[in-house]
Amino acid sequence: MSERESMSTPFQGWLGPQAQYQAESFGIDYPLMREDADKRTEYVTSMLNAAFLELAEAQTETPWKPWMTGNRAEVWTENRGRFIGEVVDVLFFLANALCAVDCTDVELSRAYNAKMLVNEQRQVSGYGYGDGSKCAQCTRALDEPGAEPVLNGEGEPTFCSEACRLESDRLNRETLRGIGLSDARIDAIANTKRTTL
């Protein structure tokens, strides 16, 4: 366990009680749902939709309108509690979605802390869009926890995983076949410079 992981477990005791509450109050059967991808997908989708709506409700409690002429400090003073309440609602729905995929407090804390380290490193390194820091196929950040970057011919990370590199090759081959190139010609192009595919 890293120093950061041992310092901070922000989600300790959050998901277990939430899963128990959902099971007791609403009959949600997370173990069964984990075995049925369609039910899990439907449930997670509804939880994320609810979280989006609650997040929009949180936004309405802020003085977000650029054209607002009133006193923003007064709006924050008046609406702060409602804003926090709406964000708590978001957290409940996110917890439900996490429970559906069998995420634990420990797993969530580790993922959170790993991402925090990535974010800190990004600030140091000047991470930004268009700087080659995203997968050429899926646009996932190449420095995300769990990414296994594949290097191109120049030794630069190009894909977040071998699976994305293979999918990119497949799609490029399909496109090149569509304009009439033979597999032999496509192979010749790929061998000349992989990043041109």
Protein backbone atom coordinates (compact mmCIF):
# COMPACT_ATOMS: atom_id res chain seq x y z
CA MET A 1 0.00 0.00 0.00
CA SER A 2 1.40 3.40 -0.97
CA GLU A 3 1.79 6.27 1.44
CA ARG A 4 -1.20 8.04 -0.13
CA GLU A 5 -3.38 4.93 0.18
CA SER A 6 -2.53 4.53 3.84
CA MET A 7 -3.15 8.25 4.48
CA SER A 8 -6.55 8.53 2.89
CA THR A 9 -9.51 6.20 2.58
CA PRO A 10 -12.25 8.70 1.79
CA PHE A 11 -14.89 6.08 1.08
CA GLN A 12 -14.50 3.88 4.16
CA GLY A 13 -17.85 2.48 5.24
CA TRP A 14 -19.84 4.03 2.40
CA LEU A 15 -20.75 1.35 -0.13
CA GLY A 16 -21.48 -1.58 2.18
CA PRO A 17 -24.18 0.24 4.16
CA GLN A 18 -25.60 1.67 0.92
CA ALA A 19 -25.92 -1.81 -0.61
CA GLN A 20 -27.56 -3.09 2.57
CA TYR A 21 -29.99 -0.16 2.62
CA GLN A 22 -30.95 -0.74 -1.02
CA ALA A 23 -31.48 -4.46 -0.39
CA GLU A 24 -33.59 -3.93 2.74
CA SER A 25 -35.58 -0.93 1.55
CA PHE A 26 -36.10 -1.63 -2.14
CA GLY A 27 -35.28 -5.33 -2.59
CA ILE A 28 -32.27 -4.61 -4.78
CA ASP A 29 -30.36 -7.88 -5.25
CA TYR A 30 -26.84 -6.81 -6.20
CA PRO A 31 -25.39 -10.36 -6.21
CA LEU A 32 -28.07 -11.50 -8.68
CA MET A 33 -27.63 -8.33 -10.74
CA ARG A 34 -23.90 -8.99 -11.07
CA GLU A 35 -24.73 -12.26 -12.84
CA ASP A 36 -27.20 -10.65 -15.26
CA ALA A 37 -25.45 -8.13 -17.51
CA ASP A 38 -28.74 -6.80 -18.91
CA LYS A 39 -30.23 -6.10 -15.46
CA ARG A 40 -26.94 -4.59 -14.28
CA THR A 41 -26.75 -2.38 -17.38
CA GLU A 42 -30.35 -1.22 -16.96
CA TYR A 43 -29.84 -0.48 -13.26
CA VAL A 44 -26.52 1.33 -13.69
CA THR A 45 -27.98 3.37 -16.54
CA SER A 46 -30.96 4.44 -14.42
CA MET A 47 -28.66 5.31 -11.50
CA LEU A 48 -26.39 7.41 -13.72
CA ASN A 49 -29.39 9.15 -15.29
CA ALA A 50 -30.67 9.96 -11.81
CA ALA A 51 -27.21 11.24 -10.82
CA PHE A 52 -27.12 13.49 -13.89
CA LEU A 53 -30.51 14.95 -12.97
CA GLU A 54 -29.50 15.49 -9.34
CA LEU A 55 -26.32 17.18 -10.53
CA ALA A 56 -28.44 19.53 -12.65
CA GLU A 57 -30.55 20.26 -9.58
CA ALA A 58 -27.34 21.06 -7.66
CA GLN A 59 -26.38 23.48 -10.42
CA THR A 60 -29.70 25.32 -10.03
CA GLU A 61 -28.76 26.10 -6.42
CA THR A 62 -25.69 28.06 -7.55
CA PRO A 63 -25.47 31.57 -9.02
CA TRP A 64 -24.18 30.10 -12.30
CA LYS A 65 -25.80 32.49 -14.78
CA PRO A 66 -23.15 34.84 -16.22
CA TRP A 67 -25.82 37.50 -16.77
CA MET A 68 -26.88 37.43 -13.13
CA THR A 69 -26.93 40.90 -11.61
CA GLY A 70 -27.73 39.90 -8.01
CA ASN A 71 -25.34 39.33 -5.15
CA ARG A 72 -23.64 35.96 -5.68
CA ALA A 73 -22.46 35.78 -2.07
CA GLU A 74 -26.06 36.07 -0.86
CA VAL A 75 -27.20 33.30 -3.22
CA TRP A 76 -24.43 31.04 -1.91
CA THR A 77 -25.35 31.82 1.67
CA GLU A 78 -29.01 31.11 1.03
CA ASN A 79 -28.59 28.04 -1.19
CA ARG A 80 -25.47 26.37 0.24
CA GLY A 81 -27.39 23.76 2.23
CA ARG A 82 -29.65 22.87 -0.71
CA PHE A 83 -26.59 22.63 -2.96
CA ILE A 84 -24.92 20.18 -0.57
CA GLY A 85 -28.16 18.19 -0.31
CA GLU A 86 -28.38 17.81 -4.08
CA VAL A 87 -24.74 16.69 -4.27
CA VAL A 88 -25.46 14.12 -1.55
CA ASP A 89 -28.29 12.82 -3.75
CA VAL A 90 -25.77 12.48 -6.59
CA LEU A 91 -23.50 10.47 -4.29
CA PHE A 92 -26.32 8.09 -3.35
CA PHE A 93 -27.01 7.27 -6.99
CA LEU A 94 -23.30 6.88 -7.74
CA ALA A 95 -22.96 4.55 -4.75
CA ASN A 96 -25.83 2.45 -6.09
CA ALA A 97 -24.13 2.19 -9.49
CA LEU A 98 -20.84 1.22 -7.84
CA CYS A 99 -22.54 -1.44 -5.71
CA ALA A 100 -24.05 -2.92 -8.87
CA VAL A 101 -20.57 -3.57 -10.24
CA ASP A 102 -19.37 -5.05 -6.93
CA CYS A 103 -17.06 -2.14 -6.12
CA THR A 104 -15.87 -2.02 -2.50
CA ASP A 105 -14.87 0.93 -0.35
CA VAL A 106 -11.26 -0.27 -0.47
CA GLU A 107 -11.28 -0.61 -4.26
CA LEU A 108 -12.87 2.82 -4.66
CA SER A 109 -10.38 4.42 -2.29
CA ARG A 110 -7.46 2.84 -4.13
CA ALA A 111 -8.80 3.99 -7.50
CA TYR A 112 -9.43 7.49 -6.14
CA ASN A 113 -5.94 7.74 -4.66
CA ALA A 114 -4.31 6.35 -7.81
CA LYS A 115 -6.15 8.93 -9.92
CA MET A 116 -5.14 11.69 -7.50
CA LEU A 117 -1.49 10.74 -8.05
CA VAL A 118 -2.05 10.87 -11.81
CA ASN A 119 -3.70 14.30 -11.51
CA GLU A 120 -0.82 15.62 -9.41
CA GLN A 121 1.69 14.34 -11.96
CA ARG A 122 -0.33 15.91 -14.79
CA GLN A 123 -0.05 19.30 -13.10
CA VAL A 124 3.72 18.90 -12.83
CA SER A 125 4.16 17.71 -16.42
CA GLY A 126 1.82 20.20 -18.09
CA TYR A 127 -0.67 17.61 -19.33
CA GLY A 128 -3.11 18.93 -21.92
CA TYR A 129 -5.27 18.08 -24.91
CA GLY A 130 -3.61 17.58 -28.25
CA ASP A 131 -0.23 16.78 -26.69
CA GLY A 132 -0.22 13.05 -27.44
CA SER A 133 -1.52 12.13 -24.00
CA LYS A 134 -4.66 10.37 -25.29
CA CYS A 135 -5.11 6.97 -26.94
CA ALA A 136 -5.34 7.27 -30.71
CA GLN A 137 -8.27 4.82 -30.72
CA CYS A 138 -10.50 5.36 -27.68
CA THR A 139 -9.14 8.76 -26.49
CA ARG A 140 -8.50 7.33 -22.99
CA ALA A 141 -5.70 9.15 -21.21
CA LEU A 142 -2.47 7.19 -21.61
CA ASP A 143 -1.51 7.86 -17.99
CA GLU A 144 -4.77 6.59 -16.47
CA PRO A 145 -4.36 3.95 -13.76
CA GLY A 146 -4.49 0.57 -15.48
CA ALA A 147 -3.48 1.85 -18.91
CA GLU A 148 -0.70 -0.14 -20.57
CA PRO A 149 0.48 2.22 -23.31
CA VAL A 150 1.62 0.73 -26.60
CA LEU A 151 4.53 2.56 -28.19
CA ASN A 152 4.63 3.54 -31.85
CA GLY A 153 7.66 3.23 -34.13
CA GLU A 154 9.23 6.34 -32.59
CA GLY A 155 8.88 4.98 -29.06
CA GLU A 156 6.02 7.33 -28.14
CA PRO A 157 2.89 6.06 -26.38
CA THR A 158 0.07 5.94 -28.91
CA PHE A 159 -2.57 3.48 -27.66
CA CYS A 160 -3.75 2.81 -24.11
CA SER A 161 -3.63 -0.96 -24.68
CA GLU A 162 -2.89 -3.63 -27.23
CA ALA A 163 -6.66 -4.12 -27.65
CA CYS A 164 -7.07 -0.50 -28.78
CA ARG A 165 -4.11 -0.81 -31.14
CA LEU A 166 -5.65 -3.92 -32.71
CA GLU A 167 -9.06 -2.26 -33.03
CA SER A 168 -7.46 0.77 -34.66
CA ASP A 169 -5.64 -1.48 -37.12
CA ARG A 170 -8.89 -3.35 -37.87
CA LEU A 171 -10.83 -0.14 -38.52
CA ASN A 172 -8.04 1.32 -40.62
CA ARG A 173 -7.79 -1.86 -42.68
CA GLU A 174 -11.55 -1.77 -43.21
CA THR A 175 -11.34 1.84 -44.39
CA LEU A 176 -8.39 1.16 -46.70
CA ARG A 177 -10.11 -1.91 -48.17
CA GLY A 178 -13.14 0.33 -48.74
CA ILE A 179 -11.09 2.58 -51.02
CA GLY A 180 -9.80 -0.44 -52.94
CA LEU A 181 -6.39 -1.20 -51.40
CA SER A 182 -5.33 -4.83 -51.19
CA ASP A 183 -4.25 -6.48 -47.94
CA ALA A 184 -0.69 -6.65 -49.30
CA ARG A 185 -0.65 -2.89 -49.95
CA ILE A 186 -2.17 -2.22 -46.49
CA ASP A 187 0.54 -4.42 -44.90
CA ALA A 188 3.23 -2.51 -46.78
CA ILE A 189 1.85 0.80 -45.51
CA ALA A 190 1.61 -0.55 -41.93
CA ASN A 191 5.19 -1.83 -42.02
CA THR A 192 6.48 1.49 -43.31
CA LYS A 193 5.08 3.49 -40.41
CA ARG A 194 2.45 2.08 -38.04
CA THR A 195 1.18 5.55 -37.07
CA THR A 196 0.11 6.28 -40.66
CA LEU A 197 -2.63 3.66 -40.31
